[in-house]
């Protein structure tokens, strides 16, 4: 999910979006740790934790995994319906870039080289010679 954030967020707000995503992730991890602590429920490190508590903890972890998978599938379905921005391959990205009205930056360099071939070098490109030499 992290690499998809720059695809959907404007560059001016990218840092804020990454910070917000990190904050949400850390809150989720903290809450999950608190829930696991409640499930295992022992205050002493020497006390043995009953097997049924470990089973409930594993069921909680399985439920988390299932929720993540369902959310990922729903996110991909929603993305596909809106044009597939999150799942663009490099080839599709290059085609979309080529179809756009913007010209790539290296195009300007090629045009300058073609002008030099036709008109000769620019005056700024010719090395200057001093009169005293």
C-alpha atoms as a PDB file:
ATOM      1  CA  UNK A   1       0.000   0.000   0.000  1.00  0.00           C
ATOM      2  CA  UNK A   2       2.857   2.413   0.724  1.00  0.00           C
ATOM      3  CA  UNK A   3       4.045   2.731  -2.899  1.00  0.00           C
ATOM      4  CA  UNK A   4       0.516   3.651  -4.009  1.00  0.00           C
ATOM      5  CA  UNK A   5       0.377   6.807  -1.864  1.00  0.00           C
ATOM      6  CA  UNK A   6       2.477   8.930  -4.298  1.00  0.00           C
ATOM      7  CA  UNK A   7       0.246   7.770  -7.161  1.00  0.00           C
ATOM      8  CA  UNK A   8      -2.945   9.202  -5.672  1.00  0.00           C
ATOM      9  CA  UNK A   9      -1.733  12.172  -3.605  1.00  0.00           C
ATOM     10  CA  UNK A  10      -0.495  15.475  -5.086  1.00  0.00           C
ATOM     11  CA  UNK A  11       3.237  15.985  -4.612  1.00  0.00           C
ATOM     12  CA  UNK A  12       2.677  19.111  -2.506  1.00  0.00           C
ATOM     13  CA  UNK A  13       0.893  17.052   0.168  1.00  0.00           C
ATOM     14  CA  UNK A  14       2.913  13.845  -0.141  1.00  0.00           C
ATOM     15  CA  UNK A  15       4.816  14.319   3.126  1.00  0.00           C
ATOM     16  CA  UNK A  16       1.595  14.946   5.040  1.00  0.00           C
ATOM     17  CA  UNK A  17      -0.034  11.873   3.489  1.00  0.00           C
ATOM     18  CA  UNK A  18       2.946   9.668   4.378  1.00  0.00           C
ATOM     19  CA  UNK A  19       2.994  11.047   7.927  1.00  0.00           C
ATOM     20  CA  UNK A  20      -0.732  10.457   8.325  1.00  0.00           C
ATOM     21  CA  UNK A  21      -0.435   6.891   7.009  1.00  0.00           C
ATOM     22  CA  UNK A  22       2.447   6.226   9.417  1.00  0.00           C
ATOM     23  CA  UNK A  23       0.459   7.633  12.333  1.00  0.00           C
ATOM     24  CA  UNK A  24      -2.574   5.501  11.527  1.00  0.00           C
ATOM     25  CA  UNK A  25      -0.364   2.410  11.240  1.00  0.00           C
ATOM     26  CA  UNK A  26       1.314   3.096  14.595  1.00  0.00           C
ATOM     27  CA  UNK A  27      -2.047   3.640  16.328  1.00  0.00           C
ATOM     28  CA  UNK A  28      -3.247   0.315  14.879  1.00  0.00           C
ATOM     29  CA  UNK A  29      -0.135  -1.473  16.123  1.00  0.00           C
ATOM     30  CA  UNK A  30      -0.518   0.067  19.596  1.00  0.00           C
ATOM     31  CA  UNK A  31      -4.195  -0.867  19.874  1.00  0.00           C
ATOM     32  CA  UNK A  32      -3.422  -4.381  18.636  1.00  0.00           C
ATOM     33  CA  UNK A  33      -0.750  -4.764  21.333  1.00  0.00           C
ATOM     34  CA  UNK A  34      -3.215  -3.630  23.989  1.00  0.00           C
ATOM     35  CA  UNK A  35      -5.817  -6.135  22.787  1.00  0.00           C
ATOM     36  CA  UNK A  36      -3.297  -8.998  22.782  1.00  0.00           C
ATOM     37  CA  UNK A  37      -2.250  -7.981  26.297  1.00  0.00           C
ATOM     38  CA  UNK A  38      -5.866  -8.099  27.444  1.00  0.00           C
ATOM     39  CA  UNK A  39      -6.407 -11.506  25.850  1.00  0.00           C
ATOM     40  CA  UNK A  40      -3.312 -13.045  27.416  1.00  0.00           C
ATOM     41  CA  UNK A  41      -4.151 -11.236  30.668  1.00  0.00           C
ATOM     42  CA  UNK A  42      -1.234 -11.968  32.994  1.00  0.00           C
ATOM     43  CA  UNK A  43       0.642  -9.433  35.099  1.00  0.00           C
ATOM     44  CA  UNK A  44       3.393 -11.742  36.234  1.00  0.00           C
ATOM     45  CA  UNK A  45       6.086 -13.013  33.920  1.00  0.00           C
ATOM     46  CA  UNK A  46       6.373 -16.201  36.001  1.00  0.00           C
ATOM     47  CA  UNK A  47       2.709 -17.190  35.679  1.00  0.00           C
ATOM     48  CA  UNK A  48       1.877 -19.741  33.016  1.00  0.00           C
ATOM     49  CA  UNK A  49      -0.607 -18.541  30.439  1.00  0.00           C
ATOM     50  CA  UNK A  50      -3.370 -21.083  29.791  1.00  0.00           C
ATOM     51  CA  UNK A  51      -3.601 -22.593  26.317  1.00  0.00           C
ATOM     52  CA  UNK A  52      -7.109 -21.214  25.691  1.00  0.00           C
ATOM     53  CA  UNK A  53      -5.759 -17.652  26.005  1.00  0.00           C
ATOM     54  CA  UNK A  54      -3.121 -18.359  23.343  1.00  0.00           C
ATOM     55  CA  UNK A  55      -5.845 -19.822  21.136  1.00  0.00           C
ATOM     56  CA  UNK A  56      -7.940 -16.667  21.479  1.00  0.00           C
ATOM     57  CA  UNK A  57      -4.904 -14.552  20.661  1.00  0.00           C
ATOM     58  CA  UNK A  58      -4.297 -16.589  17.492  1.00  0.00           C
ATOM     59  CA  UNK A  59      -7.976 -16.211  16.529  1.00  0.00           C
ATOM     60  CA  UNK A  60      -7.586 -12.428  16.970  1.00  0.00           C
ATOM     61  CA  UNK A  61      -4.518 -12.456  14.723  1.00  0.00           C
ATOM     62  CA  UNK A  62      -6.369 -14.565  12.134  1.00  0.00           C
ATOM     63  CA  UNK A  63      -9.282 -12.104  12.234  1.00  0.00           C
ATOM     64  CA  UNK A  64      -6.817  -9.239  11.640  1.00  0.00           C
ATOM     65  CA  UNK A  65      -5.363 -11.077   8.645  1.00  0.00           C
ATOM     66  CA  UNK A  66      -8.793 -11.798   7.167  1.00  0.00           C
ATOM     67  CA  UNK A  67      -9.806  -8.132   7.611  1.00  0.00           C
ATOM     68  CA  UNK A  68      -6.624  -7.016   5.815  1.00  0.00           C
ATOM     69  CA  UNK A  69      -7.245  -9.369   2.903  1.00  0.00           C
ATOM     70  CA  UNK A  70     -10.882  -8.265   2.538  1.00  0.00           C
ATOM     71  CA  UNK A  71      -9.872  -4.595   2.686  1.00  0.00           C
ATOM     72  CA  UNK A  72      -7.170  -5.153   0.046  1.00  0.00           C
ATOM     73  CA  UNK A  73      -9.591  -6.894  -2.302  1.00  0.00           C
ATOM     74  CA  UNK A  74     -12.203  -4.137  -1.863  1.00  0.00           C
ATOM     75  CA  UNK A  75      -9.551  -1.455  -2.462  1.00  0.00           C
ATOM     76  CA  UNK A  76      -8.442  -3.186  -5.672  1.00  0.00           C
ATOM     77  CA  UNK A  77     -12.047  -3.517  -6.888  1.00  0.00           C
ATOM     78  CA  UNK A  78     -12.731   0.161  -6.201  1.00  0.00           C
ATOM     79  CA  UNK A  79      -9.462   1.135  -7.921  1.00  0.00           C
ATOM     80  CA  UNK A  80     -10.278  -0.996 -10.964  1.00  0.00           C
ATOM     81  CA  UNK A  81     -13.679   0.712 -11.296  1.00  0.00           C
ATOM     82  CA  UNK A  82     -12.010   4.143 -11.218  1.00  0.00           C
ATOM     83  CA  UNK A  83      -9.377   3.457 -13.880  1.00  0.00           C
ATOM     84  CA  UNK A  84      -6.758   1.296 -12.177  1.00  0.00           C
ATOM     85  CA  UNK A  85      -4.377   4.004 -10.942  1.00  0.00           C
ATOM     86  CA  UNK A  86      -2.957   1.862  -8.135  1.00  0.00           C
ATOM     87  CA  UNK A  87      -2.184  -1.150 -10.309  1.00  0.00           C
ATOM     88  CA  UNK A  88      -0.491   0.541 -13.261  1.00  0.00           C
ATOM     89  CA  UNK A  89       2.383  -1.391 -14.709  1.00  0.00           C
ATOM     90  CA  UNK A  90       5.451   0.410 -15.999  1.00  0.00           C
ATOM     91  CA  UNK A  91       4.367  -0.234 -19.572  1.00  0.00           C
ATOM     92  CA  UNK A  92       0.898   1.242 -18.995  1.00  0.00           C
ATOM     93  CA  UNK A  93       2.443   4.227 -17.207  1.00  0.00           C
ATOM     94  CA  UNK A  94       4.767   4.906 -20.154  1.00  0.00           C
ATOM     95  CA  UNK A  95       1.870   4.649 -22.619  1.00  0.00           C
ATOM     96  CA  UNK A  96      -0.193   7.098 -20.592  1.00  0.00           C
ATOM     97  CA  UNK A  97       2.786   9.452 -20.426  1.00  0.00           C
ATOM     98  CA  UNK A  98       3.316   9.186 -24.187  1.00  0.00           C
ATOM     99  CA  UNK A  99      -0.363   9.867 -24.861  1.00  0.00           C
ATOM    100  CA  UNK A 100      -0.376  13.006 -22.763  1.00  0.00           C
ATOM    101  CA  UNK A 101       0.111  16.422 -24.318  1.00  0.00           C
ATOM    102  CA  UNK A 102       3.255  17.110 -22.305  1.00  0.00           C
ATOM    103  CA  UNK A 103       6.594  16.542 -23.990  1.00  0.00           C
ATOM    104  CA  UNK A 104       9.346  14.767 -22.066  1.00  0.00           C
ATOM    105  CA  UNK A 105      12.220  16.890 -20.768  1.00  0.00           C
ATOM    106  CA  UNK A 106      14.831  15.194 -22.934  1.00  0.00           C
ATOM    107  CA  UNK A 107      12.911  16.331 -26.034  1.00  0.00           C
ATOM    108  CA  UNK A 108      14.195  19.913 -25.541  1.00  0.00           C
ATOM    109  CA  UNK A 109      17.803  18.696 -25.580  1.00  0.00           C
ATOM    110  CA  UNK A 110      17.231  16.899 -28.886  1.00  0.00           C
ATOM    111  CA  UNK A 111      15.723  20.039 -30.430  1.00  0.00           C
ATOM    112  CA  UNK A 112      18.731  22.123 -29.326  1.00  0.00           C
ATOM    113  CA  UNK A 113      21.129  19.591 -30.886  1.00  0.00           C
ATOM    114  CA  UNK A 114      19.174  19.666 -34.162  1.00  0.00           C
ATOM    115  CA  UNK A 115      19.316  23.500 -34.223  1.00  0.00           C
ATOM    116  CA  UNK A 116      23.108  23.415 -33.713  1.00  0.00           C
ATOM    117  CA  UNK A 117      23.495  21.018 -36.639  1.00  0.00           C
ATOM    118  CA  UNK A 118      21.438  23.305 -38.886  1.00  0.00           C
ATOM    119  CA  UNK A 119      22.698  26.731 -37.749  1.00  0.00           C
ATOM    120  CA  UNK A 120      26.149  25.976 -36.393  1.00  0.00           C
ATOM    121  CA  UNK A 121      27.259  26.346 -32.778  1.00  0.00           C
ATOM    122  CA  UNK A 122      25.827  29.109 -30.587  1.00  0.00           C
ATOM    123  CA  UNK A 123      28.064  32.025 -29.727  1.00  0.00           C
ATOM    124  CA  UNK A 124      28.043  30.929 -26.102  1.00  0.00           C
ATOM    125  CA  UNK A 125      29.406  27.513 -27.151  1.00  0.00           C
ATOM    126  CA  UNK A 126      32.445  28.947 -28.999  1.00  0.00           C
ATOM    127  CA  UNK A 127      35.503  29.265 -26.722  1.00  0.00           C
ATOM    128  CA  UNK A 128      36.636  32.832 -26.275  1.00  0.00           C
ATOM    129  CA  UNK A 129      40.218  33.832 -27.128  1.00  0.00           C
ATOM    130  CA  UNK A 130      41.990  36.716 -25.529  1.00  0.00           C
ATOM    131  CA  UNK A 131      43.610  39.365 -27.673  1.00  0.00           C
ATOM    132  CA  UNK A 132      46.906  39.267 -25.753  1.00  0.00           C
ATOM    133  CA  UNK A 133      47.669  35.626 -26.413  1.00  0.00           C
END
